[in-house]
Amino acid sequence: MDQQVLKAEVRKEVGRKVKKLRKEGILPANVYGKKIKSLAIQVNLKNFDGVYKKIGETGLLNLVVEGGREKKEEKPVLVSNVQKDPVSDLPIHVDFHQVDLKEKVEADVPVELTGESPVERQGIGTVVQYIDEVAVEALPTDLPDKFIIDTSLLIEVDQAFYVKDLKVDKARVDVKVDADTILVKVEPPQKVEEVVTPSVPVEGEAVAEGGGVPVEEKETKVQEEEVESVTQEKTPNEKAKE
C-alpha cells in the first residue's frame, strides 16, 4: 500500500471552543511521541475519515502540518486513538503517534475473517472468533495492515486457528501473544433444552392435593356415586316381600 498523506494545521482553539470546529467539519487532534512536545492540530474530518478507512491504526501516515514554526512539517505518524460520538459514531478527536522509523513500536493488528466454513454451511457447526486483534512489535514500516483468516479451511467441528498459524515474517514482526492462543474455532451447535411447562388449572378450578384431578370433578363423581347407591337401595316393601 502506498503511504497515505494527510494535511493538517496547527490548532489555536482549545477546550470548549473546539465545538465550533466540529460544526465546520474540522476534527481537533493532537500529535505526541517520544522526545517530542505534544502539538495541537486540526484536520478535515472527511479527509481523515477516508484515510483512516484505508490504514486503520497500523498503517504509516505522512502528516503534513502547516502553520507551525516552519511553513510545512512532515511527520511520520500512526493513528493512535480515535474518540467517537456515541450517537453519530463520527470521530470527535484523534491522537497521532509520531514515530521514529528506525525504532520498533507496538500496535494491535486487526484480525479479519474471509470465506465460509463447510461445517457452518451445512449447519452442523458455528465459526466463532475469539480474538479480533493481535498485539505485535515491529518497525513502523513493517507493521502488518491486518491478519486475514480463511474460514473455508475449517472443515470440521472443534477445528481451530491459532496464533501460531498466522503467516508472519518473524524476522521483522514479533507477535506478543502466546502462540497457542485460539483466534477462531468451529463450535458445535448449541443444544436447546426442552422446557416443560407445568399444567395450569383453569381459572375457578381447584386442584386436589393428591393428584392432578380437579376437586370439583372429584366432588361431582362422588355425588353421582351417592345418587346411584340411593337408587339401587331396596325399599321397605321390597324387603318385606323377601
C-alpha atoms as a PDB file:
ATOM      1  CA  MET A   1       0.000   0.000   0.000  1.00  0.00           C
ATOM      2  CA  ASP A   2       1.288   3.465  -0.890  1.00  0.00           C
ATOM      3  CA  GLN A   3       1.939   5.701   2.077  1.00  0.00           C
ATOM      4  CA  GLN A   4      -1.040   7.943   2.753  1.00  0.00           C
ATOM      5  CA  VAL A   5      -0.752  11.719   3.167  1.00  0.00           C
ATOM      6  CA  LEU A   6      -2.977  13.875   5.349  1.00  0.00           C
ATOM      7  CA  LYS A   7      -2.823  17.675   5.590  1.00  0.00           C
ATOM      8  CA  ALA A   8      -3.191  19.377   8.981  1.00  0.00           C
ATOM      9  CA  GLU A   9      -2.960  22.798  10.535  1.00  0.00           C
ATOM     10  CA  VAL A  10      -1.749  23.975  13.923  1.00  0.00           C
ATOM     11  CA  ARG A  11      -4.816  24.404  16.147  1.00  0.00           C
ATOM     12  CA  LYS A  12      -5.384  27.527  18.220  1.00  0.00           C
ATOM     13  CA  GLU A  13      -8.841  26.675  19.598  1.00  0.00           C
ATOM     14  CA  VAL A  14      -8.774  24.521  22.723  1.00  0.00           C
ATOM     15  CA  GLY A  15     -11.246  23.424  25.373  1.00  0.00           C
ATOM     16  CA  ARG A  16     -14.909  24.095  24.640  1.00  0.00           C
ATOM     17  CA  LYS A  17     -14.075  26.209  21.623  1.00  0.00           C
ATOM     18  CA  VAL A  18     -13.413  23.042  19.599  1.00  0.00           C
ATOM     19  CA  LYS A  19     -17.189  22.537  19.298  1.00  0.00           C
ATOM     20  CA  LYS A  20     -17.187  25.303  16.737  1.00  0.00           C
ATOM     21  CA  LEU A  21     -14.558  23.426  14.708  1.00  0.00           C
ATOM     22  CA  ARG A  22     -16.614  20.235  14.676  1.00  0.00           C
ATOM     23  CA  LYS A  23     -19.651  22.112  13.369  1.00  0.00           C
ATOM     24  CA  GLU A  24     -17.487  23.295  10.486  1.00  0.00           C
ATOM     25  CA  GLY A  25     -16.352  19.759   9.626  1.00  0.00           C
ATOM     26  CA  ILE A  26     -12.972  20.173  11.301  1.00  0.00           C
ATOM     27  CA  LEU A  27     -11.592  17.421  13.538  1.00  0.00           C
ATOM     28  CA  PRO A  28      -9.469  18.505  16.539  1.00  0.00           C
ATOM     29  CA  ALA A  29      -6.374  16.349  17.073  1.00  0.00           C
ATOM     30  CA  ASN A  30      -3.038  16.069  18.843  1.00  0.00           C
ATOM     31  CA  VAL A  31       0.389  14.810  17.858  1.00  0.00           C
ATOM     32  CA  TYR A  32       2.512  13.167  20.544  1.00  0.00           C
ATOM     33  CA  GLY A  33       5.568  10.960  20.636  1.00  0.00           C
ATOM     34  CA  LYS A  34       8.849  10.055  22.250  1.00  0.00           C
ATOM     35  CA  LYS A  35      11.095  13.059  22.926  1.00  0.00           C
ATOM     36  CA  ILE A  36       8.712  15.498  21.224  1.00  0.00           C
ATOM     37  CA  LYS A  37       6.391  18.139  22.598  1.00  0.00           C
ATOM     38  CA  SER A  38       2.680  17.481  22.151  1.00  0.00           C
ATOM     39  CA  LEU A  39       1.177  19.573  19.365  1.00  0.00           C
ATOM     40  CA  ALA A  40      -2.475  20.599  18.974  1.00  0.00           C
ATOM     41  CA  ILE A  41      -3.597  20.355  15.346  1.00  0.00           C
ATOM     42  CA  GLN A  42      -6.768  20.127  13.275  1.00  0.00           C
ATOM     43  CA  VAL A  43      -7.635  18.131  10.142  1.00  0.00           C
ATOM     44  CA  ASN A  44     -10.504  17.968   7.714  1.00  0.00           C
ATOM     45  CA  LEU A  45     -12.958  15.348   9.022  1.00  0.00           C
ATOM     46  CA  LYS A  46     -13.843  13.883   5.613  1.00  0.00           C
ATOM     47  CA  ASN A  47     -10.187  13.661   4.573  1.00  0.00           C
ATOM     48  CA  PHE A  48      -9.252  11.931   7.822  1.00  0.00           C
ATOM     49  CA  ASP A  49     -12.167   9.505   7.601  1.00  0.00           C
ATOM     50  CA  GLY A  50     -11.155   8.460   4.077  1.00  0.00           C
ATOM     51  CA  VAL A  51      -7.524   7.873   5.087  1.00  0.00           C
ATOM     52  CA  TYR A  52      -8.417   6.076   8.318  1.00  0.00           C
ATOM     53  CA  LYS A  53     -10.604   3.564   6.491  1.00  0.00           C
ATOM     54  CA  LYS A  54      -7.571   2.629   4.385  1.00  0.00           C
ATOM     55  CA  ILE A  55      -4.816   2.440   7.003  1.00  0.00           C
ATOM     56  CA  GLY A  56      -6.520   1.798  10.340  1.00  0.00           C
ATOM     57  CA  GLU A  57      -4.162   2.035  13.322  1.00  0.00           C
ATOM     58  CA  THR A  58      -1.235   0.139  11.813  1.00  0.00           C
ATOM     59  CA  GLY A  59      -0.693   1.949   8.523  1.00  0.00           C
ATOM     60  CA  LEU A  60       2.017   4.589   8.417  1.00  0.00           C
ATOM     61  CA  LEU A  61       0.710   8.061   7.643  1.00  0.00           C
ATOM     62  CA  ASN A  62       2.627  11.114   6.435  1.00  0.00           C
ATOM     63  CA  LEU A  63       1.098  14.025   8.340  1.00  0.00           C
ATOM     64  CA  VAL A  64       1.835  17.388   6.685  1.00  0.00           C
ATOM     65  CA  VAL A  65       1.411  20.158   9.282  1.00  0.00           C
ATOM     66  CA  GLU A  66       1.195  23.822   8.293  1.00  0.00           C
ATOM     67  CA  GLY A  67       1.174  26.942  10.470  1.00  0.00           C
ATOM     68  CA  GLY A  68       3.898  25.944  12.900  1.00  0.00           C
ATOM     69  CA  ARG A  69       7.402  27.287  13.402  1.00  0.00           C
ATOM     70  CA  GLU A  70       8.210  26.110   9.928  1.00  0.00           C
ATOM     71  CA  LYS A  71       5.936  26.687   6.962  1.00  0.00           C
ATOM     72  CA  LYS A  72       5.447  22.974   6.499  1.00  0.00           C
ATOM     73  CA  GLU A  73       6.464  19.958   8.600  1.00  0.00           C
ATOM     74  CA  GLU A  74       6.123  16.319   7.614  1.00  0.00           C
ATOM     75  CA  LYS A  75       5.649  13.863  10.444  1.00  0.00           C
ATOM     76  CA  PRO A  76       5.508  10.041  10.149  1.00  0.00           C
ATOM     77  CA  VAL A  77       2.617   9.047  12.426  1.00  0.00           C
ATOM     78  CA  LEU A  78       0.284   6.215  13.357  1.00  0.00           C
ATOM     79  CA  VAL A  79      -3.355   6.768  14.254  1.00  0.00           C
ATOM     80  CA  SER A  80      -3.309   6.021  17.964  1.00  0.00           C
ATOM     81  CA  ASN A  81      -6.704   6.802  19.402  1.00  0.00           C
ATOM     82  CA  VAL A  82      -9.975   7.826  17.763  1.00  0.00           C
ATOM     83  CA  GLN A  83     -12.743   9.125  20.011  1.00  0.00           C
ATOM     84  CA  LYS A  84     -16.225   8.863  18.503  1.00  0.00           C
ATOM     85  CA  ASP A  85     -19.576  10.402  19.224  1.00  0.00           C
ATOM     86  CA  PRO A  86     -21.770   7.697  20.834  1.00  0.00           C
ATOM     87  CA  VAL A  87     -24.818   8.773  18.819  1.00  0.00           C
ATOM     88  CA  SER A  88     -23.481   9.637  15.343  1.00  0.00           C
ATOM     89  CA  ASP A  89     -20.383   7.385  15.570  1.00  0.00           C
ATOM     90  CA  LEU A  90     -18.377  10.159  13.901  1.00  0.00           C
ATOM     91  CA  PRO A  91     -14.836  10.946  15.105  1.00  0.00           C
ATOM     92  CA  ILE A  92     -14.697  13.885  17.525  1.00  0.00           C
ATOM     93  CA  HIS A  93     -10.979  13.757  18.401  1.00  0.00           C
ATOM     94  CA  VAL A  94      -7.913  11.827  17.269  1.00  0.00           C
ATOM     95  CA  ASP A  95      -4.388  11.295  18.571  1.00  0.00           C
ATOM     96  CA  PHE A  96      -1.486  10.790  16.176  1.00  0.00           C
ATOM     97  CA  HIS A  97       1.603   8.964  17.444  1.00  0.00           C
ATOM     98  CA  GLN A  98       4.736  10.380  15.855  1.00  0.00           C
ATOM     99  CA  VAL A  99       7.240   7.561  15.385  1.00  0.00           C
ATOM    100  CA  ASP A 100      10.907   7.106  14.657  1.00  0.00           C
ATOM    101  CA  LEU A 101      11.170   4.985  11.524  1.00  0.00           C
ATOM    102  CA  LYS A 102      14.260   3.297  12.980  1.00  0.00           C
ATOM    103  CA  GLU A 103      12.649   2.275  16.281  1.00  0.00           C
ATOM    104  CA  LYS A 104      10.173  -0.567  16.808  1.00  0.00           C
ATOM    105  CA  VAL A 105       6.671   0.194  18.055  1.00  0.00           C
ATOM    106  CA  GLU A 106       3.854  -1.925  19.440  1.00  0.00           C
ATOM    107  CA  ALA A 107       0.466  -1.990  17.758  1.00  0.00           C
ATOM    108  CA  ASP A 108      -2.723  -4.057  17.685  1.00  0.00           C
ATOM    109  CA  VAL A 109      -3.250  -5.630  14.274  1.00  0.00           C
ATOM    110  CA  PRO A 110      -6.896  -6.416  13.416  1.00  0.00           C
ATOM    111  CA  VAL A 111      -7.937  -9.988  12.583  1.00  0.00           C
ATOM    112  CA  GLU A 112     -10.444 -10.352   9.743  1.00  0.00           C
ATOM    113  CA  LEU A 113     -12.323 -13.467   8.596  1.00  0.00           C
ATOM    114  CA  THR A 114     -12.956 -14.391   4.991  1.00  0.00           C
ATOM    115  CA  GLY A 115     -14.587 -17.351   3.234  1.00  0.00           C
ATOM    116  CA  GLU A 116     -17.195 -19.726   4.636  1.00  0.00           C
ATOM    117  CA  SER A 117     -16.592 -22.904   6.597  1.00  0.00           C
ATOM    118  CA  PRO A 118     -18.204 -26.028   5.017  1.00  0.00           C
ATOM    119  CA  VAL A 119     -19.280 -27.042   8.522  1.00  0.00           C
ATOM    120  CA  GLU A 120     -21.147 -23.790   9.019  1.00  0.00           C
ATOM    121  CA  ARG A 121     -22.674 -24.000   5.556  1.00  0.00           C
ATOM    122  CA  GLN A 122     -24.030 -27.456   6.410  1.00  0.00           C
ATOM    123  CA  GLY A 123     -25.469 -26.179   9.681  1.00  0.00           C
ATOM    124  CA  ILE A 124     -23.520 -28.587  11.896  1.00  0.00           C
ATOM    125  CA  GLY A 125     -21.207 -26.012  13.461  1.00  0.00           C
ATOM    126  CA  THR A 126     -20.624 -22.300  14.028  1.00  0.00           C
ATOM    127  CA  VAL A 127     -17.431 -20.322  13.382  1.00  0.00           C
ATOM    128  CA  VAL A 128     -16.634 -18.265  16.492  1.00  0.00           C
ATOM    129  CA  GLN A 129     -13.966 -15.535  16.523  1.00  0.00           C
ATOM    130  CA  TYR A 130     -12.235 -15.461  19.900  1.00  0.00           C
ATOM    131  CA  ILE A 131      -9.848 -12.529  19.301  1.00  0.00           C
ATOM    132  CA  ASP A 132     -10.208  -9.622  16.860  1.00  0.00           C
ATOM    133  CA  GLU A 133      -6.778  -8.010  17.431  1.00  0.00           C
ATOM    134  CA  VAL A 134      -3.244  -9.346  17.864  1.00  0.00           C
ATOM    135  CA  ALA A 135      -0.520  -7.288  19.537  1.00  0.00           C
ATOM    136  CA  VAL A 136       2.774  -7.134  17.619  1.00  0.00           C
ATOM    137  CA  GLU A 137       6.040  -5.224  17.709  1.00  0.00           C
ATOM    138  CA  ALA A 138       7.867  -4.068  14.590  1.00  0.00           C
ATOM    139  CA  LEU A 139       9.333  -1.100  12.802  1.00  0.00           C
ATOM    140  CA  PRO A 140       6.577   1.307  11.692  1.00  0.00           C
ATOM    141  CA  THR A 141       7.167   0.389   8.055  1.00  0.00           C
ATOM    142  CA  ASP A 142       6.898  -3.352   8.799  1.00  0.00           C
ATOM    143  CA  LEU A 143       3.602  -3.354  10.690  1.00  0.00           C
ATOM    144  CA  PRO A 144       1.021  -5.631   9.019  1.00  0.00           C
ATOM    145  CA  ASP A 145      -2.183  -3.910   7.918  1.00  0.00           C
ATOM    146  CA  LYS A 146      -4.264  -6.858   9.139  1.00  0.00           C
ATOM    147  CA  PHE A 147      -4.307 -10.623   9.555  1.00  0.00           C
ATOM    148  CA  ILE A 148      -6.761 -12.479   7.315  1.00  0.00           C
ATOM    149  CA  ILE A 149      -8.055 -15.963   8.237  1.00  0.00           C
ATOM    150  CA  ASP A 150      -9.738 -18.081   5.558  1.00  0.00           C
ATOM    151  CA  THR A 151     -12.506 -19.929   7.410  1.00  0.00           C
ATOM    152  CA  SER A 152     -13.160 -22.199   4.413  1.00  0.00           C
ATOM    153  CA  LEU A 153     -10.137 -24.175   5.661  1.00  0.00           C
ATOM    154  CA  LEU A 154     -12.003 -25.066   8.854  1.00  0.00           C
ATOM    155  CA  ILE A 155     -13.723 -28.255   7.737  1.00  0.00           C
ATOM    156  CA  GLU A 156     -14.782 -29.973  10.957  1.00  0.00           C
ATOM    157  CA  VAL A 157     -16.267 -29.224  14.367  1.00  0.00           C
ATOM    158  CA  ASP A 158     -13.730 -28.251  17.080  1.00  0.00           C
ATOM    159  CA  GLN A 159     -11.106 -27.354  14.473  1.00  0.00           C
ATOM    160  CA  ALA A 160      -9.343 -24.109  15.398  1.00  0.00           C
ATOM    161  CA  PHE A 161      -6.975 -21.494  14.009  1.00  0.00           C
ATOM    162  CA  TYR A 162      -4.211 -20.462  16.423  1.00  0.00           C
ATOM    163  CA  VAL A 163      -1.840 -17.512  16.679  1.00  0.00           C
ATOM    164  CA  LYS A 164       0.963 -19.846  15.598  1.00  0.00           C
ATOM    165  CA  ASP A 165      -0.914 -20.421  12.320  1.00  0.00           C
ATOM    166  CA  LEU A 166      -0.637 -16.772  11.293  1.00  0.00           C
ATOM    167  CA  LYS A 167       1.592 -16.017   8.338  1.00  0.00           C
ATOM    168  CA  VAL A 168       4.148 -13.614   9.819  1.00  0.00           C
ATOM    169  CA  ASP A 169       7.627 -12.578   8.805  1.00  0.00           C
ATOM    170  CA  LYS A 170       9.187 -13.485  12.156  1.00  0.00           C
ATOM    171  CA  ALA A 171      12.417 -11.747  11.256  1.00  0.00           C
ATOM    172  CA  ARG A 172      10.594  -8.434  11.117  1.00  0.00           C
ATOM    173  CA  VAL A 173       7.441  -8.843  13.195  1.00  0.00           C
ATOM    174  CA  ASP A 174       7.380 -10.047  16.792  1.00  0.00           C
ATOM    175  CA  VAL A 175       3.958 -11.348  17.842  1.00  0.00           C
ATOM    176  CA  LYS A 176       3.338 -10.542  21.502  1.00  0.00           C
ATOM    177  CA  VAL A 177       0.501 -13.072  22.013  1.00  0.00           C
ATOM    178  CA  ASP A 178       1.042 -16.690  23.081  1.00  0.00           C
ATOM    179  CA  ALA A 179       1.365 -18.999  20.068  1.00  0.00           C
ATOM    180  CA  ASP A 180      -1.285 -21.438  21.356  1.00  0.00           C
ATOM    181  CA  THR A 181      -3.955 -18.755  21.733  1.00  0.00           C
ATOM    182  CA  ILE A 182      -7.095 -19.606  19.746  1.00  0.00           C
ATOM    183  CA  LEU A 183      -8.180 -16.967  17.250  1.00  0.00           C
ATOM    184  CA  VAL A 184     -11.077 -18.779  15.565  1.00  0.00           C
ATOM    185  CA  LYS A 185     -12.805 -22.074  16.304  1.00  0.00           C
ATOM    186  CA  VAL A 186     -15.688 -24.125  14.920  1.00  0.00           C
ATOM    187  CA  GLU A 187     -18.061 -24.711  17.805  1.00  0.00           C
ATOM    188  CA  PRO A 188     -20.719 -27.473  17.816  1.00  0.00           C
ATOM    189  CA  PRO A 189     -24.335 -26.302  17.646  1.00  0.00           C
ATOM    190  CA  GLN A 190     -25.819 -25.282  20.954  1.00  0.00           C
ATOM    191  CA  LYS A 191     -28.202 -27.830  22.481  1.00  0.00           C
ATOM    192  CA  VAL A 192     -31.616 -26.389  23.136  1.00  0.00           C
ATOM    193  CA  GLU A 193     -33.070 -27.764  26.347  1.00  0.00           C
ATOM    194  CA  GLU A 194     -36.789 -28.518  26.183  1.00  0.00           C
ATOM    195  CA  VAL A 195     -38.630 -26.622  28.863  1.00  0.00           C
ATOM    196  CA  VAL A 196     -41.645 -28.479  30.233  1.00  0.00           C
ATOM    197  CA  THR A 197     -44.349 -26.036  31.215  1.00  0.00           C
ATOM    198  CA  PRO A 198     -46.398 -27.272  34.194  1.00  0.00           C
ATOM    199  CA  SER A 199     -50.123 -27.570  33.550  1.00  0.00           C
ATOM    200  CA  VAL A 200     -52.061 -24.655  34.946  1.00  0.00           C
ATOM    201  CA  PRO A 201     -55.602 -25.318  36.173  1.00  0.00           C
ATOM    202  CA  VAL A 202     -58.429 -23.410  34.505  1.00  0.00           C
ATOM    203  CA  GLU A 203     -59.485 -20.368  36.403  1.00  0.00           C
ATOM    204  CA  GLY A 204     -62.051 -21.308  39.006  1.00  0.00           C
ATOM    205  CA  GLU A 205     -60.798 -24.885  39.326  1.00  0.00           C
ATOM    206  CA  ALA A 206     -59.063 -26.166  42.419  1.00  0.00           C
ATOM    207  CA  VAL A 207     -56.552 -28.982  42.199  1.00  0.00           C
ATOM    208  CA  ALA A 208     -56.638 -31.797  44.711  1.00  0.00           C
ATOM    209  CA  GLU A 209     -53.604 -32.317  46.884  1.00  0.00           C
ATOM    210  CA  GLY A 210     -53.068 -35.911  45.874  1.00  0.00           C
ATOM    211  CA  GLY A 211     -53.148 -35.559  42.106  1.00  0.00           C
ATOM    212  CA  GLY A 212     -53.948 -33.590  39.044  1.00  0.00           C
ATOM    213  CA  VAL A 213     -57.732 -34.164  39.020  1.00  0.00           C
ATOM    214  CA  PRO A 214     -59.638 -31.002  39.966  1.00  0.00           C
ATOM    215  CA  VAL A 215     -61.531 -31.116  43.283  1.00  0.00           C
ATOM    216  CA  GLU A 216     -64.784 -30.163  41.560  1.00  0.00           C
ATOM    217  CA  GLU A 217     -64.541 -33.217  39.292  1.00  0.00           C
ATOM    218  CA  LYS A 218     -63.923 -35.482  42.306  1.00  0.00           C
ATOM    219  CA  GLU A 219     -66.871 -33.979  44.159  1.00  0.00           C
ATOM    220  CA  THR A 220     -69.156 -34.457  41.133  1.00  0.00           C
ATOM    221  CA  LYS A 221     -68.086 -38.089  40.800  1.00  0.00           C
ATOM    222  CA  VAL A 222     -68.747 -38.720  44.500  1.00  0.00           C
ATOM    223  CA  GLN A 223     -72.165 -37.138  44.195  1.00  0.00           C
ATOM    224  CA  GLU A 224     -73.011 -39.353  41.185  1.00  0.00           C
ATOM    225  CA  GLU A 225     -71.901 -42.443  43.088  1.00  0.00           C
ATOM    226  CA  GLU A 226     -74.016 -41.406  46.070  1.00  0.00           C
ATOM    227  CA  VAL A 227     -77.087 -40.902  43.839  1.00  0.00           C
ATOM    228  CA  GLU A 228     -76.517 -44.272  42.191  1.00  0.00           C
ATOM    229  CA  SER A 229     -76.246 -46.018  45.564  1.00  0.00           C
ATOM    230  CA  VAL A 230     -79.523 -44.415  46.724  1.00  0.00           C
ATOM    231  CA  THR A 231     -81.432 -45.526  43.613  1.00  0.00           C
ATOM    232  CA  GLN A 232     -80.124 -49.063  43.976  1.00  0.00           C
ATOM    233  CA  GLU A 233     -81.083 -49.373  47.672  1.00  0.00           C
ATOM    234  CA  LYS A 234     -84.210 -51.552  48.204  1.00  0.00           C
ATOM    235  CA  THR A 235     -87.417 -50.057  49.609  1.00  0.00           C
ATOM    236  CA  PRO A 236     -89.065 -51.473  52.843  1.00  0.00           C
ATOM    237  CA  ASN A 237     -91.817 -53.188  50.786  1.00  0.00           C
ATOM    238  CA  GLU A 238     -89.232 -54.947  48.670  1.00  0.00           C
ATOM    239  CA  LYS A 239     -87.504 -56.128  51.800  1.00  0.00           C
ATOM    240  CA  ALA A 240     -90.824 -57.404  53.229  1.00  0.00           C
ATOM    241  CA  LYS A 241     -91.523 -59.433  50.091  1.00  0.00           C
ATOM    242  CA  GLU A 242     -88.181 -61.133  50.544  1.00  0.00           C
END
